[in-house]
Amino acid sequence: MKALLLIDIQNDFLPGGALAVPEGDKVIPVANQLQSRFEVVVATQDWHPTNHKSFAKNHSGKKPFEKIDLDGLEQVLWPTHCVQGTPGAQLSAAINLNKAEAIFRKGTNPEIDSYSGFYDNGHRKTTALADYLRGKQVSQIYIMGLAGDYCVYYTAKDALELEFETFLIEDGTRAINPDDFEKAKADITNLGGQIIQSNQL
């Protein structure tokens, strides 16, 4: 069984959003086109409380994109984004989510960030996504969405560690930093994942 994972296609990551990924809206047609080809479709959603420690505003004198140590982990400080219950946190209304069986929310603990759809950044707690997919007899995971150098990348890395056969859909993904995305793709390939285009499905 194969599953499509739609990663964080939320208003705050789209053009005009609080943490807009360049050309982030270009992933939406790919998401809509591909869903019918999968038995299982799930989405992830960044869902932060206002006091989340990944937000620069919650650290006196710090600016967005500075890095700090947060409880033993390197943390990029972000502009405030995807705050629980706000329009920016909502999944884009342009995505047809009729086929999505479940939405997994992440980043809900103010003390630790959560890029991956499977775990927080310290692997201290799971989102239960892996158990859900295994319960559906999923062995192949196809990942796309935002952003390629953060949440898509970390989701793919964890999928490989969890021994799912893992594919990153390159034309269904956009990154904050193109150079970092190139490094991320190389790392995924080195770990045994595959980089594909949507027309290969």
C-alpha atoms as a PDB file:
ATOM      1  CA  MET A   1       0.000   0.000   0.000  1.00  0.00           C
ATOM      2  CA  LYS A   2       1.261   3.483  -0.814  1.00  0.00           C
ATOM      3  CA  ALA A   3       0.434   6.780   0.874  1.00  0.00           C
ATOM      4  CA  LEU A   4       0.681  10.423  -0.192  1.00  0.00           C
ATOM      5  CA  LEU A   5       1.783  12.811   2.567  1.00  0.00           C
ATOM      6  CA  LEU A   6       0.840  16.463   2.018  1.00  0.00           C
ATOM      7  CA  ILE A   7       3.186  18.442   4.254  1.00  0.00           C
ATOM      8  CA  ASP A   8       2.118  21.783   5.753  1.00  0.00           C
ATOM      9  CA  ILE A   9       0.368  23.329   2.729  1.00  0.00           C
ATOM     10  CA  GLN A  10      -0.909  26.126   4.959  1.00  0.00           C
ATOM     11  CA  ASN A  11      -1.736  29.772   4.340  1.00  0.00           C
ATOM     12  CA  ASP A  12       1.214  31.112   6.339  1.00  0.00           C
ATOM     13  CA  PHE A  13       3.645  29.192   4.100  1.00  0.00           C
ATOM     14  CA  LEU A  14       2.012  30.414   0.868  1.00  0.00           C
ATOM     15  CA  PRO A  15       2.645  33.757  -0.889  1.00  0.00           C
ATOM     16  CA  GLY A  16       1.451  36.566   1.374  1.00  0.00           C
ATOM     17  CA  GLY A  17       1.750  34.416   4.489  1.00  0.00           C
ATOM     18  CA  ALA A  18       3.796  35.077   7.610  1.00  0.00           C
ATOM     19  CA  LEU A  19       6.557  32.645   6.577  1.00  0.00           C
ATOM     20  CA  ALA A  20       5.975  32.419   2.844  1.00  0.00           C
ATOM     21  CA  VAL A  21       7.915  29.800   0.892  1.00  0.00           C
ATOM     22  CA  PRO A  22       8.847  31.149  -2.572  1.00  0.00           C
ATOM     23  CA  GLU A  23       6.379  29.764  -5.139  1.00  0.00           C
ATOM     24  CA  GLY A  24       4.745  27.719  -2.392  1.00  0.00           C
ATOM     25  CA  ASP A  25       1.406  27.910  -4.192  1.00  0.00           C
ATOM     26  CA  LYS A  26       2.875  25.935  -7.116  1.00  0.00           C
ATOM     27  CA  VAL A  27       2.586  22.711  -5.083  1.00  0.00           C
ATOM     28  CA  ILE A  28      -1.216  22.935  -4.871  1.00  0.00           C
ATOM     29  CA  PRO A  29      -2.063  21.781  -8.437  1.00  0.00           C
ATOM     30  CA  VAL A  30       0.323  18.848  -7.988  1.00  0.00           C
ATOM     31  CA  ALA A  31      -1.359  17.888  -4.715  1.00  0.00           C
ATOM     32  CA  ASN A  32      -4.787  18.023  -6.315  1.00  0.00           C
ATOM     33  CA  GLN A  33      -3.720  16.057  -9.368  1.00  0.00           C
ATOM     34  CA  LEU A  34      -1.979  13.233  -7.475  1.00  0.00           C
ATOM     35  CA  GLN A  35      -4.424  12.339  -4.741  1.00  0.00           C
ATOM     36  CA  SER A  36      -6.597  10.089  -6.893  1.00  0.00           C
ATOM     37  CA  ARG A  37      -3.574   7.855  -7.546  1.00  0.00           C
ATOM     38  CA  PHE A  38      -3.117   6.888  -3.888  1.00  0.00           C
ATOM     39  CA  GLU A  39      -4.980   4.509  -1.601  1.00  0.00           C
ATOM     40  CA  VAL A  40      -4.113   6.610   1.461  1.00  0.00           C
ATOM     41  CA  VAL A  41      -3.760  10.412   1.641  1.00  0.00           C
ATOM     42  CA  VAL A  42      -2.871  12.257   4.843  1.00  0.00           C
ATOM     43  CA  ALA A  43      -1.849  15.836   5.582  1.00  0.00           C
ATOM     44  CA  THR A  44       0.275  17.457   8.259  1.00  0.00           C
ATOM     45  CA  GLN A  45      -0.385  20.842   9.807  1.00  0.00           C
ATOM     46  CA  ASP A  46       1.937  23.092  11.812  1.00  0.00           C
ATOM     47  CA  TRP A  47      -0.170  24.057  14.843  1.00  0.00           C
ATOM     48  CA  HIS A  48       1.731  26.277  17.267  1.00  0.00           C
ATOM     49  CA  PRO A  49       0.588  27.886  20.518  1.00  0.00           C
ATOM     50  CA  THR A  50       1.281  31.653  20.696  1.00  0.00           C
ATOM     51  CA  ASN A  51       4.041  31.098  23.294  1.00  0.00           C
ATOM     52  CA  HIS A  52       5.995  28.671  21.104  1.00  0.00           C
ATOM     53  CA  LYS A  53       9.723  28.987  21.739  1.00  0.00           C
ATOM     54  CA  SER A  54      10.554  28.717  18.022  1.00  0.00           C
ATOM     55  CA  PHE A  55       9.082  32.217  17.565  1.00  0.00           C
ATOM     56  CA  ALA A  56      11.634  35.047  17.617  1.00  0.00           C
ATOM     57  CA  LYS A  57       9.129  37.303  19.390  1.00  0.00           C
ATOM     58  CA  ASN A  58       9.254  35.032  22.433  1.00  0.00           C
ATOM     59  CA  HIS A  59      12.989  35.715  22.948  1.00  0.00           C
ATOM     60  CA  SER A  60      13.954  39.207  24.054  1.00  0.00           C
ATOM     61  CA  GLY A  61      16.309  40.933  21.630  1.00  0.00           C
ATOM     62  CA  LYS A  62      16.255  38.112  19.071  1.00  0.00           C
ATOM     63  CA  LYS A  63      15.331  38.476  15.412  1.00  0.00           C
ATOM     64  CA  PRO A  64      13.754  36.005  12.983  1.00  0.00           C
ATOM     65  CA  PHE A  65      16.211  33.525  11.428  1.00  0.00           C
ATOM     66  CA  GLU A  66      18.761  33.849  14.259  1.00  0.00           C
ATOM     67  CA  LYS A  67      19.754  30.519  15.796  1.00  0.00           C
ATOM     68  CA  ILE A  68      19.724  29.619  19.483  1.00  0.00           C
ATOM     69  CA  ASP A  69      20.149  26.533  21.641  1.00  0.00           C
ATOM     70  CA  LEU A  70      16.717  25.357  22.754  1.00  0.00           C
ATOM     71  CA  ASP A  71      16.928  22.622  25.367  1.00  0.00           C
ATOM     72  CA  GLY A  72      20.019  21.102  23.750  1.00  0.00           C
ATOM     73  CA  LEU A  73      18.853  21.439  20.119  1.00  0.00           C
ATOM     74  CA  GLU A  74      19.804  24.077  17.578  1.00  0.00           C
ATOM     75  CA  GLN A  75      16.717  26.134  16.871  1.00  0.00           C
ATOM     76  CA  VAL A  76      16.079  28.599  14.049  1.00  0.00           C
ATOM     77  CA  LEU A  77      13.939  31.442  15.391  1.00  0.00           C
ATOM     78  CA  TRP A  78      11.013  31.958  13.036  1.00  0.00           C
ATOM     79  CA  PRO A  79       8.543  34.754  12.407  1.00  0.00           C
ATOM     80  CA  THR A  80       5.316  33.974  14.233  1.00  0.00           C
ATOM     81  CA  HIS A  81       3.409  31.528  12.004  1.00  0.00           C
ATOM     82  CA  CYS A  82       0.695  28.854  12.000  1.00  0.00           C
ATOM     83  CA  VAL A  83      -0.721  29.889  15.365  1.00  0.00           C
ATOM     84  CA  GLN A  84      -3.498  27.562  16.494  1.00  0.00           C
ATOM     85  CA  GLY A  85      -6.929  28.661  15.264  1.00  0.00           C
ATOM     86  CA  THR A  86      -5.701  31.507  13.035  1.00  0.00           C
ATOM     87  CA  PRO A  87      -6.365  31.811   9.292  1.00  0.00           C
ATOM     88  CA  GLY A  88      -2.635  31.465   8.636  1.00  0.00           C
ATOM     89  CA  ALA A  89      -2.612  28.017  10.225  1.00  0.00           C
ATOM     90  CA  GLN A  90      -5.417  26.719   8.037  1.00  0.00           C
ATOM     91  CA  LEU A  91      -4.655  24.348   5.197  1.00  0.00           C
ATOM     92  CA  SER A  92      -5.060  26.135   1.875  1.00  0.00           C
ATOM     93  CA  ALA A  93      -8.655  26.260   0.693  1.00  0.00           C
ATOM     94  CA  ALA A  94      -7.317  25.626  -2.824  1.00  0.00           C
ATOM     95  CA  ILE A  95      -6.390  22.054  -1.931  1.00  0.00           C
ATOM     96  CA  ASN A  96      -9.046  19.432  -2.448  1.00  0.00           C
ATOM     97  CA  LEU A  97      -8.800  17.481   0.803  1.00  0.00           C
ATOM     98  CA  ASN A  98     -11.783  15.196   0.197  1.00  0.00           C
ATOM     99  CA  LYS A  99      -9.491  12.170  -0.100  1.00  0.00           C
ATOM    100  CA  ALA A 100      -7.388  13.044   2.963  1.00  0.00           C
ATOM    101  CA  GLU A 101      -8.286  10.565   5.678  1.00  0.00           C
ATOM    102  CA  ALA A 102      -6.500  12.322   8.521  1.00  0.00           C
ATOM    103  CA  ILE A 103      -4.622  15.488   9.431  1.00  0.00           C
ATOM    104  CA  PHE A 104      -1.699  15.211  11.836  1.00  0.00           C
ATOM    105  CA  ARG A 105      -0.934  18.369  13.778  1.00  0.00           C
ATOM    106  CA  LYS A 106       2.597  19.082  14.973  1.00  0.00           C
ATOM    107  CA  GLY A 107       4.533  21.742  16.836  1.00  0.00           C
ATOM    108  CA  THR A 108       1.907  21.889  19.571  1.00  0.00           C
ATOM    109  CA  ASN A 109       4.404  21.707  22.469  1.00  0.00           C
ATOM    110  CA  PRO A 110       5.731  25.236  23.159  1.00  0.00           C
ATOM    111  CA  GLU A 111       9.039  23.835  24.405  1.00  0.00           C
ATOM    112  CA  ILE A 112      10.175  22.094  21.201  1.00  0.00           C
ATOM    113  CA  ASP A 113       9.768  22.533  17.462  1.00  0.00           C
ATOM    114  CA  SER A 114       8.501  19.767  15.200  1.00  0.00           C
ATOM    115  CA  TYR A 115       9.539  19.829  11.541  1.00  0.00           C
ATOM    116  CA  SER A 116       8.838  16.163  10.837  1.00  0.00           C
ATOM    117  CA  GLY A 117       5.359  14.755  10.470  1.00  0.00           C
ATOM    118  CA  PHE A 118       6.476  11.794  12.591  1.00  0.00           C
ATOM    119  CA  TYR A 119       8.276  13.255  15.639  1.00  0.00           C
ATOM    120  CA  ASP A 120       9.291  16.457  17.364  1.00  0.00           C
ATOM    121  CA  ASN A 121      12.833  17.631  16.608  1.00  0.00           C
ATOM    122  CA  GLY A 122      14.290  15.795  19.588  1.00  0.00           C
ATOM    123  CA  HIS A 123      12.440  12.547  18.797  1.00  0.00           C
ATOM    124  CA  ARG A 124      10.983  12.800  22.304  1.00  0.00           C
ATOM    125  CA  LYS A 125       7.379  12.259  21.271  1.00  0.00           C
ATOM    126  CA  THR A 126       5.711  10.764  18.232  1.00  0.00           C
ATOM    127  CA  THR A 127       2.741  12.214  16.357  1.00  0.00           C
ATOM    128  CA  ALA A 128       1.386   8.638  15.871  1.00  0.00           C
ATOM    129  CA  LEU A 129       1.607   9.075  12.086  1.00  0.00           C
ATOM    130  CA  ALA A 130       3.826   6.005  11.689  1.00  0.00           C
ATOM    131  CA  ASP A 131       1.404   3.827  13.656  1.00  0.00           C
ATOM    132  CA  TYR A 132      -1.480   5.147  11.586  1.00  0.00           C
ATOM    133  CA  LEU A 133       0.255   4.325   8.301  1.00  0.00           C
ATOM    134  CA  ARG A 134       1.311   0.887   9.495  1.00  0.00           C
ATOM    135  CA  GLY A 135      -2.256   0.228  10.560  1.00  0.00           C
ATOM    136  CA  LYS A 136      -3.251   0.857   6.942  1.00  0.00           C
ATOM    137  CA  GLN A 137      -0.529  -1.563   5.718  1.00  0.00           C
ATOM    138  CA  VAL A 138       1.348   1.304   4.074  1.00  0.00           C
ATOM    139  CA  SER A 139       4.910   0.453   3.048  1.00  0.00           C
ATOM    140  CA  GLN A 140       5.606   3.186   0.457  1.00  0.00           C
ATOM    141  CA  ILE A 141       5.413   6.881   1.308  1.00  0.00           C
ATOM    142  CA  TYR A 142       5.375   9.711  -1.234  1.00  0.00           C
ATOM    143  CA  ILE A 143       6.080  13.091   0.347  1.00  0.00           C
ATOM    144  CA  MET A 144       5.435  16.592  -1.033  1.00  0.00           C
ATOM    145  CA  GLY A 145       4.631  20.070   0.237  1.00  0.00           C
ATOM    146  CA  LEU A 146       6.347  22.820   2.222  1.00  0.00           C
ATOM    147  CA  ALA A 147       9.097  23.474   2.867  1.00  0.00           C
ATOM    148  CA  GLY A 148      11.533  21.191   1.083  1.00  0.00           C
ATOM    149  CA  ASP A 149      14.515  22.115   3.242  1.00  0.00           C
ATOM    150  CA  TYR A 150      12.671  21.772   6.556  1.00  0.00           C
ATOM    151  CA  CYS A 151       9.414  19.911   7.157  1.00  0.00           C
ATOM    152  CA  VAL A 152       9.449  17.835   3.952  1.00  0.00           C
ATOM    153  CA  TYR A 153      13.123  16.955   4.481  1.00  0.00           C
ATOM    154  CA  TYR A 154      12.752  15.932   8.126  1.00  0.00           C
ATOM    155  CA  THR A 155       9.594  13.951   7.383  1.00  0.00           C
ATOM    156  CA  ALA A 156      11.444  12.043   4.649  1.00  0.00           C
ATOM    157  CA  LYS A 157      14.429  11.387   6.920  1.00  0.00           C
ATOM    158  CA  ASP A 158      12.203   9.988   9.654  1.00  0.00           C
ATOM    159  CA  ALA A 159      10.231   7.903   7.138  1.00  0.00           C
ATOM    160  CA  LEU A 160      13.485   6.274   6.028  1.00  0.00           C
ATOM    161  CA  GLU A 161      14.590   5.689   9.612  1.00  0.00           C
ATOM    162  CA  LEU A 162      11.208   4.056  10.233  1.00  0.00           C
ATOM    163  CA  GLU A 163      11.930   1.778   7.239  1.00  0.00           C
ATOM    164  CA  PHE A 164       9.224   3.028   4.910  1.00  0.00           C
ATOM    165  CA  GLU A 165      10.144   3.056   1.235  1.00  0.00           C
ATOM    166  CA  THR A 166      10.365   6.810   0.736  1.00  0.00           C
ATOM    167  CA  PHE A 167       9.916   9.040  -2.318  1.00  0.00           C
ATOM    168  CA  LEU A 168      10.165  12.836  -2.392  1.00  0.00           C
ATOM    169  CA  ILE A 169       8.061  14.394  -5.164  1.00  0.00           C
ATOM    170  CA  GLU A 170      10.354  17.208  -6.266  1.00  0.00           C
ATOM    171  CA  ASP A 171       7.945  19.203  -8.449  1.00  0.00           C
ATOM    172  CA  GLY A 172       5.362  19.035  -5.640  1.00  0.00           C
ATOM    173  CA  THR A 173       7.769  20.628  -3.171  1.00  0.00           C
ATOM    174  CA  ARG A 174       9.173  24.134  -2.703  1.00  0.00           C
ATOM    175  CA  ALA A 175      11.957  25.243  -0.356  1.00  0.00           C
ATOM    176  CA  ILE A 176      12.859  28.335   1.653  1.00  0.00           C
ATOM    177  CA  ASN A 177      16.503  28.112   0.521  1.00  0.00           C
ATOM    178  CA  PRO A 178      17.286  26.351  -2.792  1.00  0.00           C
ATOM    179  CA  ASP A 179      20.872  25.490  -1.744  1.00  0.00           C
ATOM    180  CA  ASP A 180      19.639  23.861   1.446  1.00  0.00           C
ATOM    181  CA  PHE A 181      17.079  21.900  -0.582  1.00  0.00           C
ATOM    182  CA  GLU A 182      19.851  20.543  -2.809  1.00  0.00           C
ATOM    183  CA  LYS A 183      21.688  19.323   0.309  1.00  0.00           C
ATOM    184  CA  ALA A 184      18.464  17.848   1.685  1.00  0.00           C
ATOM    185  CA  LYS A 185      17.796  15.911  -1.531  1.00  0.00           C
ATOM    186  CA  ALA A 186      21.357  14.579  -1.549  1.00  0.00           C
ATOM    187  CA  ASP A 187      20.981  13.441   2.061  1.00  0.00           C
ATOM    188  CA  ILE A 188      17.650  11.720   1.360  1.00  0.00           C
ATOM    189  CA  THR A 189      19.201   9.895  -1.604  1.00  0.00           C
ATOM    190  CA  ASN A 190      22.222   8.852   0.484  1.00  0.00           C
ATOM    191  CA  LEU A 191      19.875   7.469   3.136  1.00  0.00           C
ATOM    192  CA  GLY A 192      18.072   5.322   0.549  1.00  0.00           C
ATOM    193  CA  GLY A 193      15.211   7.572  -0.496  1.00  0.00           C
ATOM    194  CA  GLN A 194      14.312   8.456  -4.065  1.00  0.00           C
ATOM    195  CA  ILE A 195      13.691  11.854  -5.665  1.00  0.00           C
ATOM    196  CA  ILE A 196      10.978  11.653  -8.325  1.00  0.00           C
ATOM    197  CA  GLN A 197       8.701  13.874 -10.417  1.00  0.00           C
ATOM    198  CA  SER A 198       4.905  13.721 -10.302  1.00  0.00           C
ATOM    199  CA  ASN A 199       4.736  12.525 -13.932  1.00  0.00           C
ATOM    200  CA  GLN A 200       6.512   9.314 -12.867  1.00  0.00           C
ATOM    201  CA  LEU A 201       3.460   8.281 -10.842  1.00  0.00           C
END
